[in-house]
Amino acid sequence: MPMFDLIVFGDPVLDYVYKLSEPTVKGGKMLGKHIGTLPGGTTANFACASARLGVKTSIIGQIATGEESQIHKQSFADDNVDTSGLYEVDVEKGVHTVIYIDPDGEKTLIFVPMECEKLPSAVIAEAFDNARFVYTMGASFNSIDAPSRQNRTSANPTRLCMDVDAGVGMSSDDFEKIRHHADILFINDVGFLKLTGQQPNEQNVAELLSENGHILCCTGGGGTTYMAVRDADGITTYARFLITIPPIFYLSMMLVF
């Protein structure tokens, strides 16, 4: 595997999107229209956005064989994302979501994981040996924990970037483990409140940056985005009133400039 600026770890997702004739109600029945089947998922979107910004990017994960494989690989090819680390699995459906959009625009999302064996730890370990940065979601922490710790003993350890989604079974204990291990940590204001019991501000975002961390970014949905950055002189916190900016822009600035 060649050396990459960034390797993204996580299974791509197919979104099956439907528009409903009326709002969803428990036990109800309504008409629906299939809008489209779209490749996506946080990790896949992160990989594509990175590649568009000129970052040499690869993705490692599992996809279903057949049409799903073709859809995902074509999407990555369009953005010049390396797919040599995508492994095809002989299952009926890969990771996917079913998304229902009400007439008023409210969205209901059902996430369906893929039922298959996890990738071998050797595959993950190889990724850490061949990238400057590895990005993944907090839900994948247990899979990458051991290979990441082993990599840290190397002469040029790979930086671990983790994106925490507090809405998918993330506990405060899980978050503590992740924040003490990740070099770069992304979380939004809703997750920050749920996992810490506090609204984010310059002081508590800086305090949450662990002794091993370099950057902690807390994005605000239409509000203030806080970023705590550690350098040789200590920790500096930035606060900007911004519409939520995807973490890829922060990471790409580090990779490209």
C-alpha atoms as a PDB file:
ATOM      1  CA  MET A   1       0.000   0.000   0.000  1.00  0.00           C
ATOM      2  CA  PRO A   2       1.469   3.411  -0.918  1.00  0.00           C
ATOM      3  CA  MET A   3       1.933   6.170   1.596  1.00  0.00           C
ATOM      4  CA  PHE A   4      -1.099   8.465   1.946  1.00  0.00           C
ATOM      5  CA  ASP A   5      -1.637  11.802   3.616  1.00  0.00           C
ATOM      6  CA  LEU A   6      -4.905  10.479   5.000  1.00  0.00           C
ATOM      7  CA  ILE A   7      -6.489   7.058   5.391  1.00  0.00           C
ATOM      8  CA  VAL A   8     -10.149   7.016   6.363  1.00  0.00           C
ATOM      9  CA  PHE A   9     -11.387   3.970   8.232  1.00  0.00           C
ATOM     10  CA  GLY A  10     -15.095   3.067   8.066  1.00  0.00           C
ATOM     11  CA  ASP A  11     -17.683   1.302   5.931  1.00  0.00           C
ATOM     12  CA  PRO A  12     -19.317   3.457   3.224  1.00  0.00           C
ATOM     13  CA  VAL A  13     -23.092   3.846   3.499  1.00  0.00           C
ATOM     14  CA  LEU A  14     -25.866   3.804   0.905  1.00  0.00           C
ATOM     15  CA  ASP A  15     -28.758   6.180   1.614  1.00  0.00           C
ATOM     16  CA  TYR A  16     -32.200   5.094   0.381  1.00  0.00           C
ATOM     17  CA  VAL A  17     -34.173   8.333   0.425  1.00  0.00           C
ATOM     18  CA  TYR A  18     -37.992   8.605   0.320  1.00  0.00           C
ATOM     19  CA  LYS A  19     -40.315  11.603   0.432  1.00  0.00           C
ATOM     20  CA  LEU A  20     -43.587  11.052   2.312  1.00  0.00           C
ATOM     21  CA  SER A  21     -47.037  12.437   1.530  1.00  0.00           C
ATOM     22  CA  GLU A  22     -47.692  13.333   5.182  1.00  0.00           C
ATOM     23  CA  PRO A  23     -45.847  13.378   8.531  1.00  0.00           C
ATOM     24  CA  THR A  24     -45.006  10.040  10.105  1.00  0.00           C
ATOM     25  CA  VAL A  25     -47.229   8.844  12.944  1.00  0.00           C
ATOM     26  CA  LYS A  26     -47.013   5.696  15.040  1.00  0.00           C
ATOM     27  CA  GLY A  27     -48.929   2.930  13.273  1.00  0.00           C
ATOM     28  CA  GLY A  28     -49.750   5.221  10.354  1.00  0.00           C
ATOM     29  CA  LYS A  29     -49.749   4.610   6.614  1.00  0.00           C
ATOM     30  CA  MET A  30     -48.866   7.103   3.903  1.00  0.00           C
ATOM     31  CA  LEU A  31     -47.690   7.364   0.305  1.00  0.00           C
ATOM     32  CA  GLY A  32     -44.015   7.609  -0.445  1.00  0.00           C
ATOM     33  CA  LYS A  33     -41.822   8.498  -3.404  1.00  0.00           C
ATOM     34  CA  HIS A  34     -38.311   7.123  -3.874  1.00  0.00           C
ATOM     35  CA  ILE A  35     -36.038  10.131  -4.408  1.00  0.00           C
ATOM     36  CA  GLY A  36     -32.797   8.273  -4.898  1.00  0.00           C
ATOM     37  CA  THR A  37     -30.134   5.841  -3.717  1.00  0.00           C
ATOM     38  CA  LEU A  38     -27.079   7.856  -2.794  1.00  0.00           C
ATOM     39  CA  PRO A  39     -23.579   6.853  -1.651  1.00  0.00           C
ATOM     40  CA  GLY A  40     -22.474   8.511   1.555  1.00  0.00           C
ATOM     41  CA  GLY A  41     -21.731   8.046   5.223  1.00  0.00           C
ATOM     42  CA  THR A  42     -19.587  10.337   7.383  1.00  0.00           C
ATOM     43  CA  THR A  43     -16.301   8.580   6.679  1.00  0.00           C
ATOM     44  CA  ALA A  44     -16.945   8.333   2.929  1.00  0.00           C
ATOM     45  CA  ASN A  45     -17.933  11.996   2.755  1.00  0.00           C
ATOM     46  CA  PHE A  46     -14.805  12.917   4.709  1.00  0.00           C
ATOM     47  CA  ALA A  47     -12.625  10.942   2.280  1.00  0.00           C
ATOM     48  CA  CYS A  48     -14.190  12.549  -0.795  1.00  0.00           C
ATOM     49  CA  ALA A  49     -13.990  16.070   0.631  1.00  0.00           C
ATOM     50  CA  SER A  50     -10.321  15.532   1.521  1.00  0.00           C
ATOM     51  CA  ALA A  51      -9.451  14.314  -1.953  1.00  0.00           C
ATOM     52  CA  ARG A  52     -11.242  17.271  -3.553  1.00  0.00           C
ATOM     53  CA  LEU A  53      -8.987  19.565  -1.535  1.00  0.00           C
ATOM     54  CA  GLY A  54      -5.868  17.874  -2.877  1.00  0.00           C
ATOM     55  CA  VAL A  55      -5.164  15.517   0.027  1.00  0.00           C
ATOM     56  CA  LYS A  56      -3.868  12.111  -1.060  1.00  0.00           C
ATOM     57  CA  THR A  57      -6.609   9.949   0.443  1.00  0.00           C
ATOM     58  CA  SER A  58      -7.513   6.276   0.747  1.00  0.00           C
ATOM     59  CA  ILE A  59     -10.473   4.575   2.414  1.00  0.00           C
ATOM     60  CA  ILE A  60     -10.530   1.234   4.236  1.00  0.00           C
ATOM     61  CA  GLY A  61     -13.808  -0.543   4.864  1.00  0.00           C
ATOM     62  CA  GLN A  62     -16.245  -3.177   3.711  1.00  0.00           C
ATOM     63  CA  ILE A  63     -18.948  -3.025   1.049  1.00  0.00           C
ATOM     64  CA  ALA A  64     -21.453  -5.490  -0.370  1.00  0.00           C
ATOM     65  CA  THR A  65     -20.675  -7.119  -3.705  1.00  0.00           C
ATOM     66  CA  GLY A  66     -22.543  -6.348  -6.922  1.00  0.00           C
ATOM     67  CA  GLU A  67     -24.368  -3.107  -7.633  1.00  0.00           C
ATOM     68  CA  GLU A  68     -23.557  -1.553  -4.247  1.00  0.00           C
ATOM     69  CA  SER A  69     -19.854  -2.074  -4.848  1.00  0.00           C
ATOM     70  CA  GLN A  70     -20.084  -0.396  -8.249  1.00  0.00           C
ATOM     71  CA  ILE A  71     -21.965   2.617  -6.839  1.00  0.00           C
ATOM     72  CA  HIS A  72     -19.442   3.187  -4.052  1.00  0.00           C
ATOM     73  CA  LYS A  73     -16.327   2.673  -6.152  1.00  0.00           C
ATOM     74  CA  GLN A  74     -17.562   4.977  -8.911  1.00  0.00           C
ATOM     75  CA  SER A  75     -18.326   7.689  -6.360  1.00  0.00           C
ATOM     76  CA  PHE A  76     -14.813   7.439  -4.897  1.00  0.00           C
ATOM     77  CA  ALA A  77     -13.234   7.292  -8.373  1.00  0.00           C
ATOM     78  CA  ASP A  78     -14.996  10.556  -9.274  1.00  0.00           C
ATOM     79  CA  ASP A  79     -13.133  12.247  -6.409  1.00  0.00           C
ATOM     80  CA  ASN A  80      -9.801  10.400  -6.838  1.00  0.00           C
ATOM     81  CA  VAL A  81     -10.078   8.482  -3.557  1.00  0.00           C
ATOM     82  CA  ASP A  82      -7.993   5.294  -3.514  1.00  0.00           C
ATOM     83  CA  THR A  83     -10.201   2.210  -2.989  1.00  0.00           C
ATOM     84  CA  SER A  84      -7.563  -0.515  -2.749  1.00  0.00           C
ATOM     85  CA  GLY A  85      -8.550  -0.870   0.905  1.00  0.00           C
ATOM     86  CA  LEU A  86     -12.240  -1.537   0.204  1.00  0.00           C
ATOM     87  CA  TYR A  87     -13.109  -5.202   0.750  1.00  0.00           C
ATOM     88  CA  GLU A  88     -16.172  -6.744  -0.875  1.00  0.00           C
ATOM     89  CA  VAL A  89     -18.350  -8.980   1.294  1.00  0.00           C
ATOM     90  CA  ASP A  90     -20.875 -11.473  -0.084  1.00  0.00           C
ATOM     91  CA  VAL A  91     -23.952 -10.210   1.765  1.00  0.00           C
ATOM     92  CA  GLU A  92     -27.375  -9.156   0.532  1.00  0.00           C
ATOM     93  CA  LYS A  93     -26.926  -5.535   1.642  1.00  0.00           C
ATOM     94  CA  GLY A  94     -24.043  -3.495   2.983  1.00  0.00           C
ATOM     95  CA  VAL A  95     -24.290  -0.692   5.506  1.00  0.00           C
ATOM     96  CA  HIS A  96     -27.247   1.495   4.568  1.00  0.00           C
ATOM     97  CA  THR A  97     -29.789   3.972   5.836  1.00  0.00           C
ATOM     98  CA  VAL A  98     -33.457   4.390   5.038  1.00  0.00           C
ATOM     99  CA  ILE A  99     -34.359   8.068   5.149  1.00  0.00           C
ATOM    100  CA  TYR A 100     -37.923   9.386   5.225  1.00  0.00           C
ATOM    101  CA  ILE A 101     -38.538  13.080   4.565  1.00  0.00           C
ATOM    102  CA  ASP A 102     -41.841  14.554   5.754  1.00  0.00           C
ATOM    103  CA  PRO A 103     -43.645  17.269   3.710  1.00  0.00           C
ATOM    104  CA  ASP A 104     -42.331  19.875   6.177  1.00  0.00           C
ATOM    105  CA  GLY A 105     -38.761  18.682   5.602  1.00  0.00           C
ATOM    106  CA  GLU A 106     -38.349  16.773   8.885  1.00  0.00           C
ATOM    107  CA  LYS A 107     -36.110  13.731   8.426  1.00  0.00           C
ATOM    108  CA  THR A 108     -36.365  10.285   9.995  1.00  0.00           C
ATOM    109  CA  LEU A 109     -33.294   8.083   9.564  1.00  0.00           C
ATOM    110  CA  ILE A 110     -32.928   4.349  10.151  1.00  0.00           C
ATOM    111  CA  PHE A 111     -29.331   3.105  10.251  1.00  0.00           C
ATOM    112  CA  VAL A 112     -28.757  -0.543   9.258  1.00  0.00           C
ATOM    113  CA  PRO A 113     -25.248  -1.964   9.898  1.00  0.00           C
ATOM    114  CA  MET A 114     -23.776  -4.781   7.831  1.00  0.00           C
ATOM    115  CA  GLU A 115     -23.761  -8.239   9.380  1.00  0.00           C
ATOM    116  CA  CYS A 116     -20.302  -9.636   8.718  1.00  0.00           C
ATOM    117  CA  GLU A 117     -16.911 -10.255  10.285  1.00  0.00           C
ATOM    118  CA  LYS A 118     -14.802  -7.225  11.141  1.00  0.00           C
ATOM    119  CA  LEU A 119     -11.679  -6.406   9.180  1.00  0.00           C
ATOM    120  CA  PRO A 120      -8.535  -8.189  10.410  1.00  0.00           C
ATOM    121  CA  SER A 121      -6.433  -6.131  12.806  1.00  0.00           C
ATOM    122  CA  ALA A 122      -3.466  -6.547  10.439  1.00  0.00           C
ATOM    123  CA  VAL A 123      -5.308  -4.509   7.796  1.00  0.00           C
ATOM    124  CA  ILE A 124      -5.891  -1.696  10.271  1.00  0.00           C
ATOM    125  CA  ALA A 125      -2.309  -1.848  11.520  1.00  0.00           C
ATOM    126  CA  GLU A 126      -1.052  -1.495   7.942  1.00  0.00           C
ATOM    127  CA  ALA A 127      -3.127   1.655   7.542  1.00  0.00           C
ATOM    128  CA  PHE A 128      -1.415   3.253  10.524  1.00  0.00           C
ATOM    129  CA  ASP A 129       1.961   2.383   9.033  1.00  0.00           C
ATOM    130  CA  ASN A 130       1.117   4.009   5.702  1.00  0.00           C
ATOM    131  CA  ALA A 131      -0.562   7.321   6.502  1.00  0.00           C
ATOM    132  CA  ARG A 132       0.230  10.635   8.120  1.00  0.00           C
ATOM    133  CA  PHE A 133      -3.289  10.813   9.507  1.00  0.00           C
ATOM    134  CA  VAL A 134      -6.026   8.230  10.141  1.00  0.00           C
ATOM    135  CA  TYR A 135      -9.609   9.455  10.475  1.00  0.00           C
ATOM    136  CA  THR A 136     -12.519   7.454  11.841  1.00  0.00           C
ATOM    137  CA  MET A 137     -15.692   7.747  13.895  1.00  0.00           C
ATOM    138  CA  GLY A 138     -15.768   7.272  17.651  1.00  0.00           C
ATOM    139  CA  ALA A 139     -17.934   4.170  17.220  1.00  0.00           C
ATOM    140  CA  SER A 140     -14.944   2.434  15.583  1.00  0.00           C
ATOM    141  CA  PHE A 141     -12.562   3.175  18.460  1.00  0.00           C
ATOM    142  CA  ASN A 142     -12.394  -0.400  19.782  1.00  0.00           C
ATOM    143  CA  SER A 143     -11.365  -1.659  16.334  1.00  0.00           C
ATOM    144  CA  ILE A 144      -8.502   0.773  15.918  1.00  0.00           C
ATOM    145  CA  ASP A 145      -7.381   1.098  19.554  1.00  0.00           C
ATOM    146  CA  ALA A 146      -4.723  -1.649  19.649  1.00  0.00           C
ATOM    147  CA  PRO A 147      -3.167  -0.950  16.199  1.00  0.00           C
ATOM    148  CA  SER A 148      -3.064   2.746  17.039  1.00  0.00           C
ATOM    149  CA  ARG A 149      -1.298   2.184  20.364  1.00  0.00           C
ATOM    150  CA  GLN A 150       1.257  -0.065  18.678  1.00  0.00           C
ATOM    151  CA  ASN A 151       1.896   2.554  16.003  1.00  0.00           C
ATOM    152  CA  ARG A 152       2.632   5.200  18.637  1.00  0.00           C
ATOM    153  CA  THR A 153       5.876   3.411  19.482  1.00  0.00           C
ATOM    154  CA  SER A 154       7.203   3.919  15.931  1.00  0.00           C
ATOM    155  CA  ALA A 155       9.665   6.633  14.935  1.00  0.00           C
ATOM    156  CA  ASN A 156       7.010   8.595  13.020  1.00  0.00           C
ATOM    157  CA  PRO A 157       3.654   7.840  14.643  1.00  0.00           C
ATOM    158  CA  THR A 158       0.473   8.479  12.689  1.00  0.00           C
ATOM    159  CA  ARG A 159      -1.881  11.096  14.077  1.00  0.00           C
ATOM    160  CA  LEU A 160      -5.325   9.783  14.974  1.00  0.00           C
ATOM    161  CA  CYS A 161      -8.331  11.967  14.142  1.00  0.00           C
ATOM    162  CA  MET A 162     -11.661  10.962  15.631  1.00  0.00           C
ATOM    163  CA  ASP A 163     -15.150  12.321  15.085  1.00  0.00           C
ATOM    164  CA  VAL A 164     -17.485  11.712  18.028  1.00  0.00           C
ATOM    165  CA  ASP A 165     -21.195  11.229  17.330  1.00  0.00           C
ATOM    166  CA  ALA A 166     -22.900  11.289  20.725  1.00  0.00           C
ATOM    167  CA  GLY A 167     -26.183  10.152  19.205  1.00  0.00           C
ATOM    168  CA  VAL A 168     -25.011   6.614  18.374  1.00  0.00           C
ATOM    169  CA  GLY A 169     -24.571   4.819  21.684  1.00  0.00           C
ATOM    170  CA  MET A 170     -21.605   6.888  22.867  1.00  0.00           C
ATOM    171  CA  SER A 171     -21.285   6.945  26.668  1.00  0.00           C
ATOM    172  CA  SER A 172     -19.320   9.419  28.775  1.00  0.00           C
ATOM    173  CA  ASP A 173     -16.849   6.642  29.645  1.00  0.00           C
ATOM    174  CA  ASP A 174     -16.321   5.855  25.948  1.00  0.00           C
ATOM    175  CA  PHE A 175     -15.747   9.525  25.257  1.00  0.00           C
ATOM    176  CA  GLU A 176     -13.126   9.769  28.017  1.00  0.00           C
ATOM    177  CA  LYS A 177     -11.144   6.898  26.480  1.00  0.00           C
ATOM    178  CA  ILE A 178     -11.325   8.463  23.029  1.00  0.00           C
ATOM    179  CA  ARG A 179     -10.356  11.982  24.063  1.00  0.00           C
ATOM    180  CA  HIS A 180      -7.263  10.728  25.894  1.00  0.00           C
ATOM    181  CA  HIS A 181      -6.162   8.744  22.853  1.00  0.00           C
ATOM    182  CA  ALA A 182      -7.004  10.934  19.857  1.00  0.00           C
ATOM    183  CA  ASP A 183      -4.558  13.550  18.561  1.00  0.00           C
ATOM    184  CA  ILE A 184      -7.344  15.492  16.869  1.00  0.00           C
ATOM    185  CA  LEU A 185     -10.917  15.303  18.137  1.00  0.00           C
ATOM    186  CA  PHE A 186     -14.099  16.640  16.540  1.00  0.00           C
ATOM    187  CA  ILE A 187     -17.433  16.963  18.339  1.00  0.00           C
ATOM    188  CA  ASN A 188     -20.499  19.164  17.885  1.00  0.00           C
ATOM    189  CA  ASP A 189     -22.170  21.326  20.510  1.00  0.00           C
ATOM    190  CA  VAL A 190     -25.038  18.856  21.062  1.00  0.00           C
ATOM    191  CA  GLY A 191     -22.622  15.992  21.718  1.00  0.00           C
ATOM    192  CA  PHE A 192     -20.470  18.206  23.953  1.00  0.00           C
ATOM    193  CA  LEU A 193     -23.473  18.985  26.162  1.00  0.00           C
ATOM    194  CA  LYS A 194     -24.611  15.365  26.273  1.00  0.00           C
ATOM    195  CA  LEU A 195     -21.199  13.947  27.181  1.00  0.00           C
ATOM    196  CA  THR A 196     -19.959  16.672  29.542  1.00  0.00           C
ATOM    197  CA  GLY A 197     -23.168  18.206  30.886  1.00  0.00           C
ATOM    198  CA  GLN A 198     -21.910  21.660  29.866  1.00  0.00           C
ATOM    199  CA  GLN A 199     -22.502  24.090  27.055  1.00  0.00           C
ATOM    200  CA  PRO A 200     -19.199  24.584  25.188  1.00  0.00           C
ATOM    201  CA  ASN A 201     -17.184  27.729  25.781  1.00  0.00           C
ATOM    202  CA  GLU A 202     -13.550  28.742  25.335  1.00  0.00           C
ATOM    203  CA  GLN A 203     -12.529  27.592  28.813  1.00  0.00           C
ATOM    204  CA  ASN A 204     -14.148  24.151  28.984  1.00  0.00           C
ATOM    205  CA  VAL A 205     -13.171  23.269  25.405  1.00  0.00           C
ATOM    206  CA  ALA A 206      -9.541  24.029  26.285  1.00  0.00           C
ATOM    207  CA  GLU A 207      -9.854  22.006  29.506  1.00  0.00           C
ATOM    208  CA  LEU A 208     -11.205  19.033  27.571  1.00  0.00           C
ATOM    209  CA  LEU A 209      -8.136  18.863  25.333  1.00  0.00           C
ATOM    210  CA  SER A 210      -6.205  15.935  26.802  1.00  0.00           C
ATOM    211  CA  GLU A 211      -2.496  15.840  27.569  1.00  0.00           C
ATOM    212  CA  ASN A 212      -1.996  13.833  24.358  1.00  0.00           C
ATOM    213  CA  GLY A 213      -4.264  15.925  22.160  1.00  0.00           C
ATOM    214  CA  HIS A 214      -3.194  18.525  19.613  1.00  0.00           C
ATOM    215  CA  ILE A 215      -6.576  19.880  18.499  1.00  0.00           C
ATOM    216  CA  LEU A 216     -10.114  19.719  19.867  1.00  0.00           C
ATOM    217  CA  CYS A 217     -12.772  21.253  17.646  1.00  0.00           C
ATOM    218  CA  CYS A 218     -16.340  21.763  18.844  1.00  0.00           C
ATOM    219  CA  THR A 219     -18.598  22.885  16.013  1.00  0.00           C
ATOM    220  CA  GLY A 220     -21.804  24.798  16.669  1.00  0.00           C
ATOM    221  CA  GLY A 221     -24.828  24.325  14.473  1.00  0.00           C
ATOM    222  CA  GLY A 222     -25.294  27.905  13.345  1.00  0.00           C
ATOM    223  CA  GLY A 223     -23.599  29.170  16.530  1.00  0.00           C
ATOM    224  CA  THR A 224     -20.037  29.508  17.750  1.00  0.00           C
ATOM    225  CA  THR A 225     -17.334  27.036  16.788  1.00  0.00           C
ATOM    226  CA  TYR A 226     -14.522  26.585  19.325  1.00  0.00           C
ATOM    227  CA  MET A 227     -11.089  25.160  18.608  1.00  0.00           C
ATOM    228  CA  ALA A 228      -8.417  24.460  21.220  1.00  0.00           C
ATOM    229  CA  VAL A 229      -4.928  24.048  19.718  1.00  0.00           C
ATOM    230  CA  ARG A 230      -1.804  22.918  21.600  1.00  0.00           C
ATOM    231  CA  ASP A 231       1.652  24.012  20.462  1.00  0.00           C
ATOM    232  CA  ALA A 232       5.036  24.518  22.111  1.00  0.00           C
ATOM    233  CA  ASP A 233       3.761  27.625  23.922  1.00  0.00           C
ATOM    234  CA  GLY A 234       0.675  25.986  25.419  1.00  0.00           C
ATOM    235  CA  ILE A 235      -3.027  25.904  24.459  1.00  0.00           C
ATOM    236  CA  THR A 236      -4.720  28.599  22.394  1.00  0.00           C
ATOM    237  CA  THR A 237      -8.506  28.677  21.996  1.00  0.00           C
ATOM    238  CA  TYR A 238     -10.259  30.200  19.001  1.00  0.00           C
ATOM    239  CA  ALA A 239     -13.947  31.130  18.977  1.00  0.00           C
ATOM    240  CA  ARG A 240     -15.708  32.061  15.762  1.00  0.00           C
ATOM    241  CA  PHE A 241     -19.362  32.606  14.940  1.00  0.00           C
ATOM    242  CA  LEU A 242     -19.737  30.199  12.042  1.00  0.00           C
ATOM    243  CA  ILE A 243     -22.282  28.006  10.410  1.00  0.00           C
ATOM    244  CA  THR A 244     -21.180  24.452  11.150  1.00  0.00           C
ATOM    245  CA  ILE A 245     -18.031  23.750   9.137  1.00  0.00           C
ATOM    246  CA  PRO A 246     -17.227  20.117   8.371  1.00  0.00           C
ATOM    247  CA  PRO A 247     -14.108  18.946  10.233  1.00  0.00           C
ATOM    248  CA  ILE A 248     -12.471  18.124   6.911  1.00  0.00           C
ATOM    249  CA  PHE A 249     -11.604  21.802   6.376  1.00  0.00           C
ATOM    250  CA  TYR A 250      -9.652  21.982   9.621  1.00  0.00           C
ATOM    251  CA  LEU A 251      -7.800  18.752   8.941  1.00  0.00           C
ATOM    252  CA  SER A 252      -7.095  19.630   5.324  1.00  0.00           C
ATOM    253  CA  MET A 253      -5.537  22.937   6.361  1.00  0.00           C
ATOM    254  CA  MET A 254      -3.066  20.934   8.442  1.00  0.00           C
ATOM    255  CA  LEU A 255      -2.366  18.487   5.642  1.00  0.00           C
ATOM    256  CA  VAL A 256      -2.074  20.874   2.729  1.00  0.00           C
ATOM    257  CA  PHE A 257      -0.471  23.989   4.244  1.00  0.00           C
END
